Amino acid sequence: VRGLCGTYNWDQQDEFTTPAGDVETGVTAFANQYRASGDCPVLGPLPLQPCDAFAGRREVAEAACAILHGPAFQ
């Protein structure tokens, strides 16, 4: 198993393995390797502020995060 959620092999050194099999050292470079071709902008060196970039989706994101922080995932 390999992808945006990691490798599930208990080795944190290879968590940022790209589809090509390379291991990136930074979050931005890693995320850019999984970009849907042309559908998403290339991320820059600064962290994306999703609440600023997608203000209209804040409520949906907070509801999804509430599920992840809920008892089912503890």
PDB file of N, CA and C in Angstrom:
ATOM      1  N   VAL A   1       0.866  -1.172   0.000  1.00  0.00           N
ATOM      2  CA  VAL A   1       0.000   0.000   0.000  1.00  0.00           C
ATOM      3  C   VAL A   1       0.907   1.228   0.000  1.00  0.00           C
ATOM      4  N   ARG A   2       0.620   2.141  -0.896  1.00  0.00           N
ATOM      5  CA  ARG A   2       1.419   3.366  -0.970  1.00  0.00           C
ATOM      6  C   ARG A   2       0.529   4.474  -1.493  1.00  0.00           C
ATOM      7  N   GLY A   3       0.684   5.655  -0.966  1.00  0.00           N
ATOM      8  CA  GLY A   3      -0.107   6.775  -1.433  1.00  0.00           C
ATOM      9  C   GLY A   3      -0.096   7.926  -0.464  1.00  0.00           C
ATOM     10  N   LEU A   4      -1.091   8.773  -0.578  1.00  0.00           N
ATOM     11  CA  LEU A   4      -1.158   9.963   0.258  1.00  0.00           C
ATOM     12  C   LEU A   4      -1.280   9.644   1.737  1.00  0.00           C
ATOM     13  N   CYS A   5      -1.749   8.482   2.083  1.00  0.00           N
ATOM     14  CA  CYS A   5      -1.895   8.106   3.491  1.00  0.00           C
ATOM     15  C   CYS A   5      -0.681   7.351   4.023  1.00  0.00           C
ATOM     16  N   GLY A   6       0.368   7.222   3.268  1.00  0.00           N
ATOM     17  CA  GLY A   6       1.573   6.550   3.736  1.00  0.00           C
ATOM     18  C   GLY A   6       1.724   5.163   3.154  1.00  0.00           C
ATOM     19  N   THR A   7       2.681   4.415   3.730  1.00  0.00           N
ATOM     20  CA  THR A   7       3.018   3.097   3.198  1.00  0.00           C
ATOM     21  C   THR A   7       2.564   1.939   4.081  1.00  0.00           C
ATOM     22  N   TYR A   8       2.164   2.233   5.306  1.00  0.00           N
ATOM     23  CA  TYR A   8       1.675   1.212   6.243  1.00  0.00           C
ATOM     24  C   TYR A   8       2.675   0.090   6.475  1.00  0.00           C
ATOM     25  N   ASN A   9       3.965   0.435   6.558  1.00  0.00           N
ATOM     26  CA  ASN A   9       4.969  -0.587   6.845  1.00  0.00           C
ATOM     27  C   ASN A   9       5.752  -0.261   8.120  1.00  0.00           C
ATOM     28  N   TRP A  10       5.282   0.695   8.898  1.00  0.00           N
ATOM     29  CA  TRP A  10       5.874   1.123  10.164  1.00  0.00           C
ATOM     30  C   TRP A  10       7.249   1.765  10.007  1.00  0.00           C
ATOM     31  N   ASP A  11       7.638   2.125   8.786  1.00  0.00           N
ATOM     32  CA  ASP A  11       8.914   2.801   8.541  1.00  0.00           C
ATOM     33  C   ASP A  11       8.611   4.242   8.139  1.00  0.00           C
ATOM     34  N   GLN A  12       8.822   5.171   9.060  1.00  0.00           N
ATOM     35  CA  GLN A  12       8.490   6.572   8.786  1.00  0.00           C
ATOM     36  C   GLN A  12       9.416   7.206   7.753  1.00  0.00           C
ATOM     37  N   GLN A  13      10.526   6.584   7.438  1.00  0.00           N
ATOM     38  CA  GLN A  13      11.466   7.147   6.478  1.00  0.00           C
ATOM     39  C   GLN A  13      10.946   7.102   5.042  1.00  0.00           C
ATOM     40  N   ASP A  14       9.948   6.264   4.760  1.00  0.00           N
ATOM     41  CA  ASP A  14       9.451   6.171   3.388  1.00  0.00           C
ATOM     42  C   ASP A  14       7.981   6.587   3.252  1.00  0.00           C
ATOM     43  N   GLU A  15       7.476   7.340   4.213  1.00  0.00           N
ATOM     44  CA  GLU A  15       6.070   7.747   4.171  1.00  0.00           C
ATOM     45  C   GLU A  15       5.757   8.638   2.970  1.00  0.00           C
ATOM     46  N   PHE A  16       6.715   9.406   2.496  1.00  0.00           N
ATOM     47  CA  PHE A  16       6.477  10.310   1.364  1.00  0.00           C
ATOM     48  C   PHE A  16       6.934   9.677   0.058  1.00  0.00           C
ATOM     49  N   THR A  17       6.645   8.407  -0.151  1.00  0.00           N
ATOM     50  CA  THR A  17       6.995   7.722  -1.395  1.00  0.00           C
ATOM     51  C   THR A  17       6.021   8.154  -2.493  1.00  0.00           C
ATOM     52  N   THR A  18       6.573   8.585  -3.618  1.00  0.00           N
ATOM     53  CA  THR A  18       5.769   9.087  -4.732  1.00  0.00           C
ATOM     54  C   THR A  18       5.302   7.935  -5.623  1.00  0.00           C
ATOM     55  N   PRO A  19       4.395   8.203  -6.553  1.00  0.00           N
ATOM     56  CA  PRO A  19       3.966   7.157  -7.480  1.00  0.00           C
ATOM     57  C   PRO A  19       5.129   6.561  -8.281  1.00  0.00           C
ATOM     58  N   ALA A  20       6.188   7.352  -8.492  1.00  0.00           N
ATOM     59  CA  ALA A  20       7.349   6.873  -9.249  1.00  0.00           C
ATOM     60  C   ALA A  20       8.309   6.062  -8.384  1.00  0.00           C
ATOM     61  N   GLY A  21       8.049   5.997  -7.058  1.00  0.00           N
ATOM     62  CA  GLY A  21       8.911   5.235  -6.168  1.00  0.00           C
ATOM     63  C   GLY A  21       9.980   6.055  -5.481  1.00  0.00           C
ATOM     64  N   ASP A  22      10.057   7.359  -5.779  1.00  0.00           N
ATOM     65  CA  ASP A  22      11.013   8.237  -5.112  1.00  0.00           C
ATOM     66  C   ASP A  22      10.468   8.596  -3.738  1.00  0.00           C
ATOM     67  N   VAL A  23      11.353   9.004  -2.833  1.00  0.00           N
ATOM     68  CA  VAL A  23      10.919   9.456  -1.511  1.00  0.00           C
ATOM     69  C   VAL A  23      11.211  10.949  -1.413  1.00  0.00           C
ATOM     70  N   GLU A  24      10.167  11.741  -1.256  1.00  0.00           N
ATOM     71  CA  GLU A  24      10.317  13.187  -1.106  1.00  0.00           C
ATOM     72  C   GLU A  24      10.593  13.518   0.356  1.00  0.00           C
ATOM     73  N   THR A  25      11.250  14.636   0.597  1.00  0.00           N
ATOM     74  CA  THR A  25      11.564  15.027   1.970  1.00  0.00           C
ATOM     75  C   THR A  25      10.609  16.088   2.499  1.00  0.00           C
ATOM     76  N   GLY A  26       9.863  16.732   1.613  1.00  0.00           N
ATOM     77  CA  GLY A  26       8.952  17.786   2.045  1.00  0.00           C
ATOM     78  C   GLY A  26       7.513  17.510   1.652  1.00  0.00           C
ATOM     79  N   VAL A  27       6.599  18.037   2.441  1.00  0.00           N
ATOM     80  CA  VAL A  27       5.170  17.828   2.206  1.00  0.00           C
ATOM     81  C   VAL A  27       4.734  18.394   0.863  1.00  0.00           C
ATOM     82  N   THR A  28       5.189  19.592   0.522  1.00  0.00           N
ATOM     83  CA  THR A  28       4.766  20.239  -0.720  1.00  0.00           C
ATOM     84  C   THR A  28       5.194  19.451  -1.940  1.00  0.00           C
ATOM     85  N   ALA A  29       6.455  19.044  -1.983  1.00  0.00           N
ATOM     86  CA  ALA A  29       6.953  18.272  -3.127  1.00  0.00           C
ATOM     87  C   ALA A  29       6.208  16.947  -3.235  1.00  0.00           C
ATOM     88  N   PHE A  30       5.941  16.313  -2.095  1.00  0.00           N
ATOM     89  CA  PHE A  30       5.208  15.056  -2.081  1.00  0.00           C
ATOM     90  C   PHE A  30       3.788  15.240  -2.608  1.00  0.00           C
ATOM     91  N   ALA A  31       3.086  16.241  -2.117  1.00  0.00           N
ATOM     92  CA  ALA A  31       1.708  16.492  -2.552  1.00  0.00           C
ATOM     93  C   ALA A  31       1.639  16.810  -4.036  1.00  0.00           C
ATOM     94  N   ASN A  32       2.617  17.545  -4.547  1.00  0.00           N
ATOM     95  CA  ASN A  32       2.626  17.872  -5.980  1.00  0.00           C
ATOM     96  C   ASN A  32       2.753  16.630  -6.858  1.00  0.00           C
ATOM     97  N   GLN A  33       3.376  15.569  -6.348  1.00  0.00           N
ATOM     98  CA  GLN A  33       3.518  14.335  -7.129  1.00  0.00           C
ATOM     99  C   GLN A  33       2.178  13.619  -7.312  1.00  0.00           C
ATOM    100  N   TYR A  34       1.222  13.885  -6.428  1.00  0.00           N
ATOM    101  CA  TYR A  34      -0.091  13.243  -6.505  1.00  0.00           C
ATOM    102  C   TYR A  34      -1.159  14.160  -7.091  1.00  0.00           C
ATOM    103  N   ARG A  35      -0.753  15.294  -7.641  1.00  0.00           N
ATOM    104  CA  ARG A  35      -1.700  16.229  -8.251  1.00  0.00           C
ATOM    105  C   ARG A  35      -2.414  15.580  -9.415  1.00  0.00           C
ATOM    106  N   ALA A  36      -3.719  15.814  -9.511  1.00  0.00           N
ATOM    107  CA  ALA A  36      -4.460  15.367 -10.692  1.00  0.00           C
ATOM    108  C   ALA A  36      -4.023  16.274 -11.838  1.00  0.00           C
ATOM    109  N   SER A  37      -3.589  15.693 -12.926  1.00  0.00           N
ATOM    110  CA  SER A  37      -2.992  16.472 -14.012  1.00  0.00           C
ATOM    111  C   SER A  37      -3.856  17.647 -14.445  1.00  0.00           C
ATOM    112  N   GLY A  38      -3.359  18.836 -14.183  1.00  0.00           N
ATOM    113  CA  GLY A  38      -4.008  20.053 -14.625  1.00  0.00           C
ATOM    114  C   GLY A  38      -5.212  20.487 -13.801  1.00  0.00           C
ATOM    115  N   ASP A  39      -5.753  19.619 -12.976  1.00  0.00           N
ATOM    116  CA  ASP A  39      -6.934  19.969 -12.199  1.00  0.00           C
ATOM    117  C   ASP A  39      -6.606  20.784 -10.956  1.00  0.00           C
ATOM    118  N   CYS A  40      -5.429  20.614 -10.416  1.00  0.00           N
ATOM    119  CA  CYS A  40      -5.037  21.297  -9.193  1.00  0.00           C
ATOM    120  C   CYS A  40      -3.808  22.158  -9.463  1.00  0.00           C
ATOM    121  N   PRO A  41      -3.734  23.306  -8.814  1.00  0.00           N
ATOM    122  CA  PRO A  41      -2.538  24.141  -8.990  1.00  0.00           C
ATOM    123  C   PRO A  41      -1.337  23.512  -8.307  1.00  0.00           C
ATOM    124  N   VAL A  42      -0.152  23.791  -8.838  1.00  0.00           N
ATOM    125  CA  VAL A  42       1.080  23.326  -8.209  1.00  0.00           C
ATOM    126  C   VAL A  42       1.236  24.081  -6.899  1.00  0.00           C
ATOM    127  N   LEU A  43       1.512  23.355  -5.830  1.00  0.00           N
ATOM    128  CA  LEU A  43       1.694  24.001  -4.538  1.00  0.00           C
ATOM    129  C   LEU A  43       3.047  24.682  -4.487  1.00  0.00           C
ATOM    130  N   GLY A  44       3.075  25.852  -3.887  1.00  0.00           N
ATOM    131  CA  GLY A  44       4.317  26.578  -3.714  1.00  0.00           C
ATOM    132  C   GLY A  44       5.010  26.164  -2.434  1.00  0.00           C
ATOM    133  N   PRO A  45       6.112  26.828  -2.107  1.00  0.00           N
ATOM    134  CA  PRO A  45       6.868  26.445  -0.917  1.00  0.00           C
ATOM    135  C   PRO A  45       6.156  26.779   0.397  1.00  0.00           C
ATOM    136  N   LEU A  46       5.229  27.696   0.373  1.00  0.00           N
ATOM    137  CA  LEU A  46       4.513  28.056   1.599  1.00  0.00           C
ATOM    138  C   LEU A  46       3.339  27.117   1.806  1.00  0.00           C
ATOM    139  N   PRO A  47       3.010  26.815   3.037  1.00  0.00           N
ATOM    140  CA  PRO A  47       1.855  25.934   3.285  1.00  0.00           C
ATOM    141  C   PRO A  47       0.554  26.574   2.793  1.00  0.00           C
ATOM    142  N   LEU A  48      -0.281  25.775   2.175  1.00  0.00           N
ATOM    143  CA  LEU A  48      -1.577  26.224   1.711  1.00  0.00           C
ATOM    144  C   LEU A  48      -2.478  26.459   2.908  1.00  0.00           C
ATOM    145  N   GLN A  49      -3.193  27.553   2.893  1.00  0.00           N
ATOM    146  CA  GLN A  49      -4.167  27.843   3.940  1.00  0.00           C
ATOM    147  C   GLN A  49      -5.539  27.529   3.372  1.00  0.00           C
ATOM    148  N   PRO A  50      -6.012  26.296   3.523  1.00  0.00           N
ATOM    149  CA  PRO A  50      -7.242  25.878   2.865  1.00  0.00           C
ATOM    150  C   PRO A  50      -8.456  26.702   3.242  1.00  0.00           C
ATOM    151  N   CYS A  51      -8.533  27.184   4.466  1.00  0.00           N
ATOM    152  CA  CYS A  51      -9.704  27.981   4.852  1.00  0.00           C
ATOM    153  C   CYS A  51      -9.706  29.327   4.131  1.00  0.00           C
ATOM    154  N   ASP A  52      -8.529  29.849   3.818  1.00  0.00           N
ATOM    155  CA  ASP A  52      -8.462  31.093   3.056  1.00  0.00           C
ATOM    156  C   ASP A  52      -8.728  30.845   1.573  1.00  0.00           C
ATOM    157  N   ALA A  53      -8.184  29.752   1.032  1.00  0.00           N
ATOM    158  CA  ALA A  53      -8.311  29.463  -0.392  1.00  0.00           C
ATOM    159  C   ALA A  53      -9.705  28.976  -0.772  1.00  0.00           C
ATOM    160  N   PHE A  54     -10.363  28.273   0.132  1.00  0.00           N
ATOM    161  CA  PHE A  54     -11.669  27.678  -0.159  1.00  0.00           C
ATOM    162  C   PHE A  54     -12.656  28.014   0.955  1.00  0.00           C
ATOM    163  N   ALA A  55     -12.862  29.290   1.203  1.00  0.00           N
ATOM    164  CA  ALA A  55     -13.682  29.746   2.326  1.00  0.00           C
ATOM    165  C   ALA A  55     -15.088  29.147   2.311  1.00  0.00           C
ATOM    166  N   GLY A  56     -15.664  28.928   1.144  1.00  0.00           N
ATOM    167  CA  GLY A  56     -17.011  28.382   1.048  1.00  0.00           C
ATOM    168  C   GLY A  56     -17.117  26.928   1.450  1.00  0.00           C
ATOM    169  N   ARG A  57     -16.005  26.238   1.585  1.00  0.00           N
ATOM    170  CA  ARG A  57     -16.006  24.815   1.931  1.00  0.00           C
ATOM    171  C   ARG A  57     -15.643  24.565   3.396  1.00  0.00           C
ATOM    172  N   ARG A  58     -15.491  25.620   4.165  1.00  0.00           N
ATOM    173  CA  ARG A  58     -15.058  25.478   5.558  1.00  0.00           C
ATOM    174  C   ARG A  58     -16.000  24.591   6.369  1.00  0.00           C
ATOM    175  N   GLU A  59     -17.299  24.794   6.254  1.00  0.00           N
ATOM    176  CA  GLU A  59     -18.256  24.001   7.034  1.00  0.00           C
ATOM    177  C   GLU A  59     -18.180  22.517   6.682  1.00  0.00           C
ATOM    178  N   VAL A  60     -18.032  22.209   5.400  1.00  0.00           N
ATOM    179  CA  VAL A  60     -17.920  20.812   4.972  1.00  0.00           C
ATOM    180  C   VAL A  60     -16.643  20.201   5.541  1.00  0.00           C
ATOM    181  N   ALA A  61     -15.545  20.935   5.492  1.00  0.00           N
ATOM    182  CA  ALA A  61     -14.267  20.435   6.014  1.00  0.00           C
ATOM    183  C   ALA A  61     -14.341  20.219   7.518  1.00  0.00           C
ATOM    184  N   GLU A  62     -14.953  21.141   8.234  1.00  0.00           N
ATOM    185  CA  GLU A  62     -15.055  20.991   9.683  1.00  0.00           C
ATOM    186  C   GLU A  62     -15.912  19.779  10.048  1.00  0.00           C
ATOM    187  N   ALA A  63     -16.969  19.520   9.287  1.00  0.00           N
ATOM    188  CA  ALA A  63     -17.818  18.354   9.544  1.00  0.00           C
ATOM    189  C   ALA A  63     -17.038  17.058   9.299  1.00  0.00           C
ATOM    190  N   ALA A  64     -16.236  17.025   8.217  1.00  0.00           N
ATOM    191  CA  ALA A  64     -15.436  15.840   7.919  1.00  0.00           C
ATOM    192  C   ALA A  64     -14.372  15.620   8.993  1.00  0.00           C
ATOM    193  N   CYS A  65     -13.746  16.693   9.441  1.00  0.00           N
ATOM    194  CA  CYS A  65     -12.721  16.570  10.482  1.00  0.00           C
ATOM    195  C   CYS A  65     -13.333  16.131  11.805  1.00  0.00           C
ATOM    196  N   ALA A  66     -14.549  16.538  12.075  1.00  0.00           N
ATOM    197  CA  ALA A  66     -15.216  16.126  13.310  1.00  0.00           C
ATOM    198  C   ALA A  66     -15.369  14.615  13.350  1.00  0.00           C
ATOM    199  N   ILE A  67     -15.636  14.017  12.208  1.00  0.00           N
ATOM    200  CA  ILE A  67     -15.746  12.547  12.130  1.00  0.00           C
ATOM    201  C   ILE A  67     -14.404  11.904  12.438  1.00  0.00           C
ATOM    202  N   LEU A  68     -13.315  12.452  11.854  1.00  0.00           N
ATOM    203  CA  LEU A  68     -11.986  11.896  12.076  1.00  0.00           C
ATOM    204  C   LEU A  68     -11.526  12.059  13.531  1.00  0.00           C
ATOM    205  N   HIS A  69     -11.979  13.118  14.180  1.00  0.00           N
ATOM    206  CA  HIS A  69     -11.611  13.330  15.577  1.00  0.00           C
ATOM    207  C   HIS A  69     -12.589  12.667  16.541  1.00  0.00           C
ATOM    208  N   GLY A  70     -13.603  12.026  16.022  1.00  0.00           N
ATOM    209  CA  GLY A  70     -14.631  11.392  16.844  1.00  0.00           C
ATOM    210  C   GLY A  70     -14.202  10.044  17.406  1.00  0.00           C
ATOM    211  N   PRO A  71     -15.085   9.420  18.155  1.00  0.00           N
ATOM    212  CA  PRO A  71     -14.764   8.171  18.838  1.00  0.00           C
ATOM    213  C   PRO A  71     -14.437   6.999  17.893  1.00  0.00           C
ATOM    214  N   ALA A  72     -14.949   7.000  16.702  1.00  0.00           N
ATOM    215  CA  ALA A  72     -14.685   5.884  15.777  1.00  0.00           C
ATOM    216  C   ALA A  72     -13.199   5.763  15.420  1.00  0.00           C
ATOM    217  N   PHE A  73     -12.456   6.869  15.492  1.00  0.00           N
ATOM    218  CA  PHE A  73     -11.046   6.856  15.099  1.00  0.00           C
ATOM    219  C   PHE A  73     -10.099   7.029  16.285  1.00  0.00           C
ATOM    220  N   GLN A  74     -10.583   6.796  17.496  1.00  0.00           N
ATOM    221  CA  GLN A  74      -9.719   6.944  18.663  1.00  0.00           C
ATOM    222  C   GLN A  74      -9.146   5.628  19.109  1.00  0.00           C
TER     223      GLN A  74
END
